[in-house]
């Protein structure tokens, strides 16, 4: 059986984690928010798991590439000013575009009590703190070699916060969040908001 991720029209370091993200959707989730939704690829996948999905992005040009299904809508907005709460919130390669604490406080507010937040993010690497990560370079190159480079890459911005800073802010704002360093220069964060 072919799963929804293997039918993707393209692959990149962010879509590499879609299968993991979709595996985190609680079966009871009724509403989902995809922060930094880009062309809507993940938001539309979430629409097969949640009855109501909102994809948001601040880039109006990229939102013109979205195609919404009946239960997925898209909106140009900054998540820091969004109101309401959602059972499931995703942020893929978008948290490093805003100040760390401000972004974490915003996602904390957007997750409904008992809801789940999942982040696939980037961190600022340093030779001293991330020396062990160099051991992952052959695996990253092997995965990259199995996939063509994206023909229309999204605009990139370097992360400003290192993993220690991200962990410290999460411990303060999202207590109990699980953060793991992953391949493709990404970390994952999973947090469930208490009732």
N, C-alpha and C. Protein backbone atom coordinates (compact mmCIF):
# COMPACT_ATOMS: atom_id res chain seq x y z
N UNK A 1 0.84 -1.18 0.00
CA UNK A 1 0.00 0.00 0.00
C UNK A 1 0.89 1.26 0.00
N UNK A 2 0.62 2.18 -0.87
CA UNK A 2 1.40 3.41 -0.99
C UNK A 2 0.86 4.42 0.01
N UNK A 3 1.73 4.96 0.86
CA UNK A 3 1.25 5.94 1.85
C UNK A 3 1.27 7.34 1.25
N UNK A 4 0.63 8.27 1.96
CA UNK A 4 0.47 9.63 1.43
C UNK A 4 1.78 10.38 1.25
N UNK A 5 2.81 10.04 2.03
CA UNK A 5 4.10 10.73 1.91
C UNK A 5 4.84 10.28 0.66
N UNK A 6 4.74 9.01 0.31
CA UNK A 6 5.47 8.52 -0.87
C UNK A 6 4.89 9.07 -2.17
N UNK A 7 3.71 9.68 -2.12
CA UNK A 7 3.11 10.29 -3.31
C UNK A 7 3.45 11.78 -3.43
N UNK A 8 4.31 12.29 -2.57
CA UNK A 8 4.65 13.71 -2.59
C UNK A 8 5.22 14.12 -3.94
N UNK A 9 4.89 15.34 -4.40
CA UNK A 9 5.42 15.80 -5.68
C UNK A 9 6.89 16.20 -5.62
N UNK A 10 7.44 16.35 -4.42
CA UNK A 10 8.85 16.70 -4.26
C UNK A 10 9.32 16.25 -2.89
N UNK A 11 10.64 16.31 -2.68
CA UNK A 11 11.25 15.95 -1.39
C UNK A 11 12.24 17.04 -1.03
N UNK A 12 12.32 17.35 0.27
CA UNK A 12 13.39 18.20 0.79
C UNK A 12 13.60 17.83 2.26
N UNK A 13 14.49 18.54 2.91
CA UNK A 13 14.81 18.20 4.31
C UNK A 13 13.61 18.37 5.24
N UNK A 14 12.64 19.17 4.85
CA UNK A 14 11.45 19.35 5.67
C UNK A 14 10.41 18.27 5.41
N UNK A 15 10.16 17.97 4.14
CA UNK A 15 9.17 16.93 3.83
C UNK A 15 9.65 15.56 4.32
N UNK A 16 10.95 15.41 4.50
CA UNK A 16 11.51 14.18 5.04
C UNK A 16 10.83 13.81 6.37
N UNK A 17 10.37 14.81 7.11
CA UNK A 17 9.77 14.58 8.43
C UNK A 17 8.25 14.54 8.43
N UNK A 18 7.61 14.63 7.27
CA UNK A 18 6.15 14.60 7.24
C UNK A 18 5.58 13.30 7.80
N UNK A 19 6.18 12.19 7.49
CA UNK A 19 5.68 10.90 8.00
C UNK A 19 5.71 10.91 9.54
N UNK A 20 6.81 11.40 10.10
CA UNK A 20 6.92 11.47 11.57
C UNK A 20 5.85 12.41 12.12
N UNK A 21 5.69 13.58 11.49
CA UNK A 21 4.70 14.56 11.95
C UNK A 21 3.29 13.97 11.93
N UNK A 22 2.92 13.32 10.86
CA UNK A 22 1.58 12.74 10.75
C UNK A 22 1.38 11.63 11.78
N UNK A 23 2.44 10.96 12.14
CA UNK A 23 2.36 9.92 13.17
C UNK A 23 2.12 10.48 14.57
N UNK A 24 2.28 11.78 14.74
CA UNK A 24 2.07 12.42 16.04
C UNK A 24 0.64 12.94 16.22
N UNK A 25 -0.17 12.91 15.16
CA UNK A 25 -1.53 13.44 15.25
C UNK A 25 -2.37 12.54 16.15
N UNK A 26 -2.89 13.07 17.27
CA UNK A 26 -3.73 12.24 18.13
C UNK A 26 -5.03 11.87 17.41
N UNK A 27 -5.53 10.66 17.60
CA UNK A 27 -6.77 10.27 16.92
C UNK A 27 -7.97 11.13 17.32
N UNK A 28 -7.87 11.81 18.45
CA UNK A 28 -8.98 12.65 18.92
C UNK A 28 -8.91 14.09 18.40
N UNK A 29 -7.84 14.44 17.68
CA UNK A 29 -7.66 15.82 17.21
C UNK A 29 -8.75 16.19 16.21
N UNK A 30 -9.43 17.27 16.47
CA UNK A 30 -10.48 17.77 15.56
C UNK A 30 -10.00 18.97 14.76
N UNK A 31 -9.07 19.75 15.33
CA UNK A 31 -8.56 20.94 14.65
C UNK A 31 -7.04 20.90 14.60
N UNK A 32 -6.49 21.40 13.49
CA UNK A 32 -5.03 21.44 13.34
C UNK A 32 -4.63 22.78 12.74
N UNK A 33 -3.44 23.21 13.11
CA UNK A 33 -2.84 24.44 12.61
C UNK A 33 -1.46 24.09 12.08
N UNK A 34 -1.17 24.50 10.84
CA UNK A 34 0.16 24.33 10.26
C UNK A 34 0.77 25.72 10.09
N UNK A 35 1.75 26.02 10.94
CA UNK A 35 2.42 27.32 10.93
C UNK A 35 3.52 27.31 9.88
N UNK A 36 3.52 28.33 9.01
CA UNK A 36 4.51 28.38 7.93
C UNK A 36 4.20 27.32 6.89
N UNK A 37 2.95 27.25 6.48
CA UNK A 37 2.45 26.15 5.65
C UNK A 37 3.02 26.12 4.24
N UNK A 38 3.61 27.22 3.78
CA UNK A 38 4.16 27.22 2.42
C UNK A 38 3.10 26.90 1.39
N UNK A 39 3.39 25.94 0.53
CA UNK A 39 2.46 25.59 -0.56
C UNK A 39 1.30 24.70 -0.11
N UNK A 40 1.24 24.38 1.18
CA UNK A 40 0.11 23.63 1.71
C UNK A 40 0.23 22.12 1.67
N UNK A 41 1.39 21.60 1.32
CA UNK A 41 1.56 20.15 1.21
C UNK A 41 1.23 19.44 2.53
N UNK A 42 1.82 19.89 3.64
CA UNK A 42 1.56 19.25 4.92
C UNK A 42 0.13 19.53 5.40
N UNK A 43 -0.34 20.75 5.24
CA UNK A 43 -1.70 21.09 5.69
C UNK A 43 -2.73 20.19 5.03
N UNK A 44 -2.58 19.93 3.73
CA UNK A 44 -3.54 19.05 3.05
C UNK A 44 -3.42 17.61 3.54
N UNK A 45 -2.23 17.17 3.90
CA UNK A 45 -2.09 15.84 4.49
C UNK A 45 -2.78 15.79 5.86
N UNK A 46 -2.61 16.88 6.64
CA UNK A 46 -3.29 16.94 7.94
C UNK A 46 -4.80 16.88 7.77
N UNK A 47 -5.30 17.40 6.65
CA UNK A 47 -6.72 17.38 6.38
C UNK A 47 -7.29 15.98 6.25
N UNK A 48 -6.44 15.00 6.03
CA UNK A 48 -6.90 13.60 5.98
C UNK A 48 -6.92 12.97 7.38
N UNK A 49 -6.43 13.74 8.38
CA UNK A 49 -6.38 13.24 9.76
C UNK A 49 -7.25 14.06 10.71
N UNK A 50 -7.55 15.30 10.35
CA UNK A 50 -8.32 16.20 11.21
C UNK A 50 -9.48 16.80 10.41
N UNK A 51 -10.65 16.94 11.02
CA UNK A 51 -11.79 17.52 10.31
C UNK A 51 -11.62 18.97 9.90
N UNK A 52 -10.77 19.75 10.61
CA UNK A 52 -10.61 21.17 10.29
C UNK A 52 -9.14 21.56 10.42
N UNK A 53 -8.57 22.08 9.32
CA UNK A 53 -7.15 22.44 9.29
C UNK A 53 -7.01 23.87 8.77
N UNK A 54 -6.17 24.64 9.46
CA UNK A 54 -5.81 25.98 9.02
C UNK A 54 -4.31 26.00 8.75
N UNK A 55 -3.94 26.38 7.53
CA UNK A 55 -2.54 26.58 7.18
C UNK A 55 -2.28 28.06 7.09
N UNK A 56 -1.23 28.53 7.77
CA UNK A 56 -0.92 29.96 7.75
C UNK A 56 0.51 30.20 7.31
N UNK A 57 0.70 31.33 6.65
CA UNK A 57 2.04 31.73 6.23
C UNK A 57 2.02 33.25 6.07
N UNK A 58 3.17 33.87 6.23
CA UNK A 58 3.22 35.33 6.04
C UNK A 58 3.61 35.69 4.62
N UNK A 59 3.99 34.68 3.82
CA UNK A 59 4.41 34.91 2.44
C UNK A 59 3.21 34.75 1.51
N UNK A 60 2.69 35.89 1.06
CA UNK A 60 1.50 35.87 0.21
C UNK A 60 1.76 35.14 -1.11
N UNK A 61 2.96 35.30 -1.65
CA UNK A 61 3.29 34.67 -2.94
C UNK A 61 3.22 33.15 -2.84
N UNK A 62 3.74 32.58 -1.76
CA UNK A 62 3.72 31.12 -1.63
C UNK A 62 2.30 30.62 -1.41
N UNK A 63 1.46 31.40 -0.77
CA UNK A 63 0.08 30.99 -0.54
C UNK A 63 -0.72 30.90 -1.84
N UNK A 64 -0.28 31.58 -2.89
CA UNK A 64 -0.97 31.47 -4.17
C UNK A 64 -0.79 30.09 -4.78
N UNK A 65 0.17 29.32 -4.28
CA UNK A 65 0.42 27.96 -4.79
C UNK A 65 -0.39 26.90 -4.05
N UNK A 66 -1.16 27.31 -3.05
CA UNK A 66 -1.92 26.33 -2.27
C UNK A 66 -3.21 25.95 -2.98
N UNK A 67 -3.64 24.73 -2.71
CA UNK A 67 -4.93 24.25 -3.17
C UNK A 67 -5.61 23.63 -1.96
N UNK A 68 -6.68 24.23 -1.53
CA UNK A 68 -7.35 23.77 -0.32
C UNK A 68 -8.38 22.69 -0.65
N UNK A 69 -8.53 21.76 0.26
CA UNK A 69 -9.62 20.79 0.16
C UNK A 69 -10.78 21.32 1.00
N UNK A 70 -11.85 20.57 1.09
CA UNK A 70 -13.07 21.06 1.75
C UNK A 70 -12.86 21.39 3.23
N UNK A 71 -11.94 20.71 3.89
CA UNK A 71 -11.74 20.95 5.32
C UNK A 71 -10.41 21.65 5.63
N UNK A 72 -9.74 22.17 4.61
CA UNK A 72 -8.46 22.86 4.79
C UNK A 72 -8.60 24.26 4.22
N UNK A 73 -8.20 25.25 5.01
CA UNK A 73 -8.19 26.62 4.49
C UNK A 73 -6.83 27.24 4.78
N UNK A 74 -6.53 28.27 4.02
CA UNK A 74 -5.23 28.94 4.12
C UNK A 74 -5.45 30.42 4.37
N UNK A 75 -4.51 30.99 5.12
CA UNK A 75 -4.65 32.39 5.50
C UNK A 75 -3.27 33.03 5.61
N UNK A 76 -3.16 34.27 5.15
CA UNK A 76 -1.92 35.02 5.31
C UNK A 76 -1.98 35.70 6.68
N UNK A 77 -1.17 35.22 7.59
CA UNK A 77 -1.12 35.81 8.93
C UNK A 77 0.14 35.37 9.64
N UNK A 78 0.51 36.12 10.63
CA UNK A 78 1.64 35.81 11.50
C UNK A 78 1.09 35.03 12.70
N UNK A 79 1.65 33.87 12.97
CA UNK A 79 1.11 33.04 14.05
C UNK A 79 1.17 33.73 15.41
N UNK A 80 2.05 34.70 15.55
CA UNK A 80 2.15 35.39 16.84
C UNK A 80 0.93 36.25 17.14
N UNK A 81 0.17 36.60 16.10
CA UNK A 81 -1.03 37.42 16.33
C UNK A 81 -2.32 36.62 16.13
N UNK A 82 -2.20 35.34 15.86
CA UNK A 82 -3.38 34.50 15.63
C UNK A 82 -4.12 34.26 16.95
N UNK A 83 -5.43 34.20 16.88
CA UNK A 83 -6.23 33.90 18.07
C UNK A 83 -6.84 32.51 17.93
N UNK A 84 -7.30 31.98 19.03
CA UNK A 84 -7.91 30.65 19.04
C UNK A 84 -6.91 29.60 19.47
N UNK A 85 -7.42 28.37 19.62
CA UNK A 85 -6.56 27.24 19.98
C UNK A 85 -6.88 26.07 19.06
N UNK A 86 -5.93 25.14 19.00
CA UNK A 86 -6.02 24.00 18.09
C UNK A 86 -5.57 22.74 18.82
N UNK A 87 -6.16 21.62 18.44
CA UNK A 87 -5.81 20.34 19.06
C UNK A 87 -4.43 19.86 18.65
N UNK A 88 -4.02 20.23 17.45
CA UNK A 88 -2.72 19.79 16.92
C UNK A 88 -2.08 20.96 16.20
N UNK A 89 -0.86 21.30 16.58
CA UNK A 89 -0.15 22.44 15.98
C UNK A 89 1.19 21.97 15.46
N UNK A 90 1.48 22.30 14.20
CA UNK A 90 2.78 21.98 13.61
C UNK A 90 3.49 23.26 13.21
N UNK A 91 4.80 23.22 13.26
CA UNK A 91 5.64 24.31 12.78
C UNK A 91 6.89 23.67 12.19
N UNK A 92 7.00 23.70 10.87
CA UNK A 92 8.13 23.07 10.19
C UNK A 92 9.02 24.16 9.60
N UNK A 93 10.24 24.21 10.10
CA UNK A 93 11.25 25.18 9.62
C UNK A 93 10.71 26.60 9.62
N UNK A 94 9.94 26.93 10.65
CA UNK A 94 9.39 28.29 10.72
C UNK A 94 9.70 28.99 12.04
N UNK A 95 9.96 28.26 13.10
CA UNK A 95 10.19 28.88 14.41
C UNK A 95 11.44 29.75 14.44
N UNK A 96 12.44 29.42 13.64
CA UNK A 96 13.68 30.21 13.67
C UNK A 96 13.54 31.55 12.93
N UNK A 97 12.38 31.81 12.37
CA UNK A 97 12.14 33.09 11.69
C UNK A 97 11.66 34.17 12.66
N UNK A 98 11.42 33.81 13.91
CA UNK A 98 10.96 34.78 14.91
C UNK A 98 11.85 34.65 16.15
N UNK A 99 11.85 35.65 17.04
CA UNK A 99 12.62 35.51 18.28
C UNK A 99 12.16 34.27 19.06
N UNK A 100 13.11 33.54 19.59
CA UNK A 100 12.86 32.23 20.20
C UNK A 100 11.76 32.24 21.25
N UNK A 101 11.90 33.02 22.29
CA UNK A 101 10.91 33.02 23.37
C UNK A 101 9.55 33.50 22.89
N UNK A 102 9.55 34.51 22.04
CA UNK A 102 8.29 35.03 21.51
C UNK A 102 7.55 33.95 20.72
N UNK A 103 8.28 33.21 19.90
CA UNK A 103 7.67 32.14 19.12
C UNK A 103 7.15 31.02 20.00
N UNK A 104 7.93 30.62 21.00
CA UNK A 104 7.48 29.55 21.89
C UNK A 104 6.27 29.96 22.72
N UNK A 105 6.25 31.20 23.17
CA UNK A 105 5.08 31.67 23.92
C UNK A 105 3.83 31.69 23.04
N UNK A 106 4.00 32.04 21.76
CA UNK A 106 2.86 32.06 20.84
C UNK A 106 2.32 30.65 20.60
N UNK A 107 3.21 29.68 20.35
CA UNK A 107 2.70 28.33 20.11
C UNK A 107 2.10 27.74 21.38
N UNK A 108 2.64 28.09 22.53
CA UNK A 108 2.06 27.63 23.79
C UNK A 108 0.61 28.09 23.89
N UNK A 109 0.35 29.33 23.54
CA UNK A 109 -0.99 29.90 23.60
C UNK A 109 -1.93 29.25 22.58
N UNK A 110 -1.41 28.85 21.41
CA UNK A 110 -2.24 28.32 20.33
C UNK A 110 -2.66 26.86 20.52
N UNK A 111 -1.94 26.13 21.38
CA UNK A 111 -2.28 24.73 21.59
C UNK A 111 -3.40 24.64 22.62
N UNK A 112 -4.48 23.93 22.27
CA UNK A 112 -5.60 23.75 23.18
C UNK A 112 -5.20 22.89 24.36
N UNK A 113 -5.85 23.05 25.52
CA UNK A 113 -5.56 22.15 26.64
C UNK A 113 -5.72 20.69 26.21
N UNK A 114 -4.71 19.89 26.50
CA UNK A 114 -4.69 18.50 26.08
C UNK A 114 -4.21 18.30 24.66
N UNK A 115 -3.92 19.42 23.96
CA UNK A 115 -3.48 19.35 22.57
C UNK A 115 -1.99 19.07 22.45
N UNK A 116 -1.56 18.86 21.21
CA UNK A 116 -0.19 18.47 20.92
C UNK A 116 0.47 19.47 19.99
N UNK A 117 1.71 19.81 20.31
CA UNK A 117 2.55 20.66 19.47
C UNK A 117 3.70 19.82 18.96
N UNK A 118 3.97 19.90 17.65
CA UNK A 118 5.16 19.27 17.09
C UNK A 118 5.89 20.28 16.22
N UNK A 119 7.18 20.37 16.44
CA UNK A 119 8.02 21.31 15.71
C UNK A 119 9.14 20.52 15.04
N UNK A 120 9.40 20.83 13.80
CA UNK A 120 10.63 20.40 13.13
C UNK A 120 11.37 21.70 12.88
N UNK A 121 12.47 21.89 13.57
CA UNK A 121 13.15 23.17 13.53
C UNK A 121 14.62 23.07 13.18
N UNK A 122 15.21 24.22 13.00
CA UNK A 122 16.64 24.35 12.73
C UNK A 122 17.31 25.02 13.92
N UNK A 123 18.54 24.67 14.17
CA UNK A 123 19.29 25.32 15.23
C UNK A 123 20.63 25.81 14.67
N UNK A 124 21.23 26.77 15.37
CA UNK A 124 22.53 27.30 14.97
C UNK A 124 23.60 26.33 15.45
N UNK A 125 24.29 25.76 14.51
CA UNK A 125 25.31 24.78 14.86
C UNK A 125 26.63 25.47 15.20
N UNK A 126 27.40 24.81 16.06
CA UNK A 126 28.75 25.29 16.35
C UNK A 126 29.66 24.07 16.42
N UNK A 127 30.90 24.27 16.02
CA UNK A 127 31.85 23.15 16.00
C UNK A 127 32.02 22.55 17.40
N UNK A 128 32.02 23.39 18.41
CA UNK A 128 32.24 22.90 19.77
C UNK A 128 31.04 22.11 20.30
N UNK A 129 29.85 22.68 20.18
CA UNK A 129 28.66 22.03 20.75
C UNK A 129 28.14 20.88 19.91
N UNK A 130 28.42 20.89 18.61
CA UNK A 130 27.81 19.91 17.71
C UNK A 130 28.83 19.01 17.03
N UNK A 131 29.99 18.82 17.65
CA UNK A 131 31.03 17.98 17.07
C UNK A 131 30.51 16.58 16.76
N UNK A 132 29.73 16.02 17.67
CA UNK A 132 29.24 14.65 17.45
C UNK A 132 28.29 14.57 16.26
N UNK A 133 27.68 15.70 15.89
CA UNK A 133 26.77 15.70 14.76
C UNK A 133 27.50 15.45 13.44
N UNK A 134 28.80 15.76 13.42
CA UNK A 134 29.58 15.53 12.21
C UNK A 134 29.56 14.06 11.81
N UNK A 135 29.38 13.18 12.77
CA UNK A 135 29.30 11.75 12.47
C UNK A 135 28.08 11.41 11.62
N UNK A 136 27.07 12.29 11.63
CA UNK A 136 25.86 12.05 10.86
C UNK A 136 25.98 12.50 9.41
N UNK A 137 27.04 13.22 9.06
CA UNK A 137 27.17 13.75 7.70
C UNK A 137 27.10 12.68 6.61
N UNK A 138 27.76 11.52 6.77
CA UNK A 138 27.62 10.50 5.72
C UNK A 138 26.17 10.02 5.55
N UNK A 139 25.44 9.89 6.63
CA UNK A 139 24.03 9.47 6.52
C UNK A 139 23.20 10.55 5.83
N UNK A 140 23.45 11.82 6.15
CA UNK A 140 22.72 12.92 5.51
C UNK A 140 23.01 12.94 4.02
N UNK A 141 24.29 12.80 3.66
CA UNK A 141 24.65 12.80 2.24
C UNK A 141 24.02 11.62 1.51
N UNK A 142 23.94 10.47 2.17
CA UNK A 142 23.32 9.28 1.54
C UNK A 142 21.83 9.51 1.29
N UNK A 143 21.14 10.09 2.27
CA UNK A 143 19.71 10.38 2.09
C UNK A 143 19.52 11.42 0.99
N UNK A 144 20.34 12.47 1.01
CA UNK A 144 20.26 13.50 -0.04
C UNK A 144 20.47 12.89 -1.43
N UNK A 145 21.42 11.97 -1.53
CA UNK A 145 21.74 11.38 -2.83
C UNK A 145 20.59 10.57 -3.40
N UNK A 146 19.70 10.10 -2.55
CA UNK A 146 18.56 9.29 -3.00
C UNK A 146 17.42 10.15 -3.52
N UNK A 147 17.53 11.46 -3.38
CA UNK A 147 16.44 12.36 -3.76
C UNK A 147 16.98 13.50 -4.63
N UNK A 148 16.24 13.90 -5.64
CA UNK A 148 16.68 15.05 -6.44
C UNK A 148 16.54 16.34 -5.64
N UNK A 149 17.38 17.29 -5.96
CA UNK A 149 17.28 18.60 -5.31
C UNK A 149 15.97 19.25 -5.70
N UNK A 150 15.32 19.98 -4.77
CA UNK A 150 14.07 20.65 -5.12
C UNK A 150 14.29 21.67 -6.23
N UNK A 151 13.33 21.74 -7.16
CA UNK A 151 13.48 22.65 -8.28
C UNK A 151 13.14 24.08 -7.90
N UNK A 152 12.33 24.25 -6.86
CA UNK A 152 11.91 25.59 -6.44
C UNK A 152 12.08 25.68 -4.92
N UNK A 153 13.33 25.77 -4.44
CA UNK A 153 13.54 25.76 -2.99
C UNK A 153 12.92 26.97 -2.31
N UNK A 154 12.45 26.74 -1.11
CA UNK A 154 11.86 27.83 -0.33
C UNK A 154 12.96 28.78 0.14
N UNK A 155 12.61 30.03 0.40
CA UNK A 155 13.61 30.97 0.92
C UNK A 155 14.19 30.45 2.24
N UNK A 156 15.47 30.59 2.41
CA UNK A 156 16.14 30.07 3.60
C UNK A 156 16.56 31.22 4.51
N UNK A 157 16.60 30.93 5.79
CA UNK A 157 17.13 31.86 6.78
C UNK A 157 17.90 31.02 7.79
N UNK A 158 19.07 31.50 8.17
CA UNK A 158 19.87 30.77 9.15
C UNK A 158 19.27 30.91 10.54
N UNK A 159 19.37 29.86 11.31
CA UNK A 159 18.92 29.89 12.70
C UNK A 159 19.89 30.71 13.53
N UNK A 160 19.37 31.38 14.55
CA UNK A 160 20.19 32.21 15.42
C UNK A 160 20.39 31.60 16.80
N UNK A 161 19.58 30.61 17.16
CA UNK A 161 19.63 30.01 18.50
C UNK A 161 20.22 28.61 18.43
N UNK A 162 21.13 28.32 19.37
CA UNK A 162 21.70 26.99 19.40
C UNK A 162 20.75 26.03 20.13
N UNK A 163 21.06 24.76 20.08
CA UNK A 163 20.17 23.76 20.66
C UNK A 163 20.04 23.92 22.17
N UNK A 164 21.11 24.34 22.84
CA UNK A 164 21.03 24.56 24.29
C UNK A 164 20.04 25.68 24.62
N UNK A 165 20.05 26.74 23.83
CA UNK A 165 19.11 27.84 24.05
C UNK A 165 17.66 27.39 23.78
N UNK A 166 17.48 26.60 22.74
CA UNK A 166 16.14 26.08 22.42
C UNK A 166 15.65 25.19 23.54
N UNK A 167 16.52 24.31 24.03
CA UNK A 167 16.12 23.43 25.14
C UNK A 167 15.77 24.22 26.40
N UNK A 168 16.55 25.24 26.70
CA UNK A 168 16.31 26.05 27.90
C UNK A 168 14.98 26.80 27.79
N UNK A 169 14.71 27.39 26.65
CA UNK A 169 13.44 28.10 26.47
C UNK A 169 12.27 27.14 26.53
N UNK A 170 12.41 25.98 25.91
CA UNK A 170 11.33 24.99 25.95
C UNK A 170 11.09 24.51 27.37
N UNK A 171 12.14 24.31 28.15
CA UNK A 171 11.97 23.86 29.53
C UNK A 171 11.18 24.88 30.34
N UNK A 172 11.36 26.15 30.02
CA UNK A 172 10.67 27.22 30.73
C UNK A 172 9.24 27.43 30.24
N UNK A 173 9.03 27.39 28.92
CA UNK A 173 7.74 27.74 28.34
C UNK A 173 6.89 26.52 28.01
N UNK A 174 7.54 25.42 27.62
CA UNK A 174 6.85 24.19 27.24
C UNK A 174 7.37 23.05 28.11
N UNK A 175 7.13 23.12 29.43
CA UNK A 175 7.72 22.11 30.32
C UNK A 175 7.31 20.70 29.94
N UNK A 176 8.31 19.82 29.91
CA UNK A 176 8.06 18.43 29.54
C UNK A 176 8.22 18.16 28.05
N UNK A 177 8.54 19.19 27.26
CA UNK A 177 8.74 18.99 25.82
C UNK A 177 9.91 18.05 25.58
N UNK A 178 9.74 17.16 24.61
CA UNK A 178 10.81 16.24 24.22
C UNK A 178 11.48 16.78 22.97
N UNK A 179 12.76 17.03 23.05
CA UNK A 179 13.52 17.57 21.93
C UNK A 179 14.59 16.56 21.54
N UNK A 180 14.66 16.28 20.24
CA UNK A 180 15.67 15.37 19.72
C UNK A 180 16.38 16.01 18.55
N UNK A 181 17.68 15.87 18.52
CA UNK A 181 18.47 16.29 17.37
C UNK A 181 18.32 15.21 16.30
N UNK A 182 18.05 15.64 15.06
CA UNK A 182 17.76 14.69 13.98
C UNK A 182 18.69 14.92 12.79
N UNK A 183 18.56 14.04 11.81
CA UNK A 183 19.29 14.22 10.56
C UNK A 183 18.76 15.44 9.81
N UNK A 184 19.47 15.85 8.80
CA UNK A 184 19.10 16.96 7.92
C UNK A 184 19.17 18.30 8.64
N UNK A 185 20.02 18.40 9.63
CA UNK A 185 20.20 19.65 10.38
C UNK A 185 18.89 20.13 10.99
N UNK A 186 18.13 19.20 11.52
CA UNK A 186 16.83 19.51 12.11
C UNK A 186 16.77 18.95 13.54
N UNK A 187 15.92 19.57 14.35
CA UNK A 187 15.55 18.99 15.63
C UNK A 187 14.05 18.80 15.61
N UNK A 188 13.56 17.91 16.43
CA UNK A 188 12.11 17.76 16.59
C UNK A 188 11.77 18.04 18.05
N UNK A 189 10.62 18.67 18.22
CA UNK A 189 10.09 18.96 19.55
C UNK A 189 8.66 18.44 19.57
N UNK A 190 8.32 17.72 20.63
CA UNK A 190 6.95 17.24 20.82
C UNK A 190 6.52 17.63 22.23
N UNK A 191 5.36 18.25 22.33
CA UNK A 191 4.86 18.71 23.63
C UNK A 191 3.37 18.54 23.69
N UNK A 192 2.89 18.06 24.81
CA UNK A 192 1.46 17.99 25.03
C UNK A 192 1.10 18.96 26.14
N UNK A 193 0.13 19.81 25.84
CA UNK A 193 -0.28 20.82 26.82
C UNK A 193 -1.19 20.18 27.86
N UNK A 194 -0.92 20.42 29.12
CA UNK A 194 -1.80 19.83 30.15
C UNK A 194 -3.23 20.39 30.06
N UNK A 195 -4.16 19.61 30.52
CA UNK A 195 -5.57 20.06 30.59
C UNK A 195 -5.72 21.13 31.65
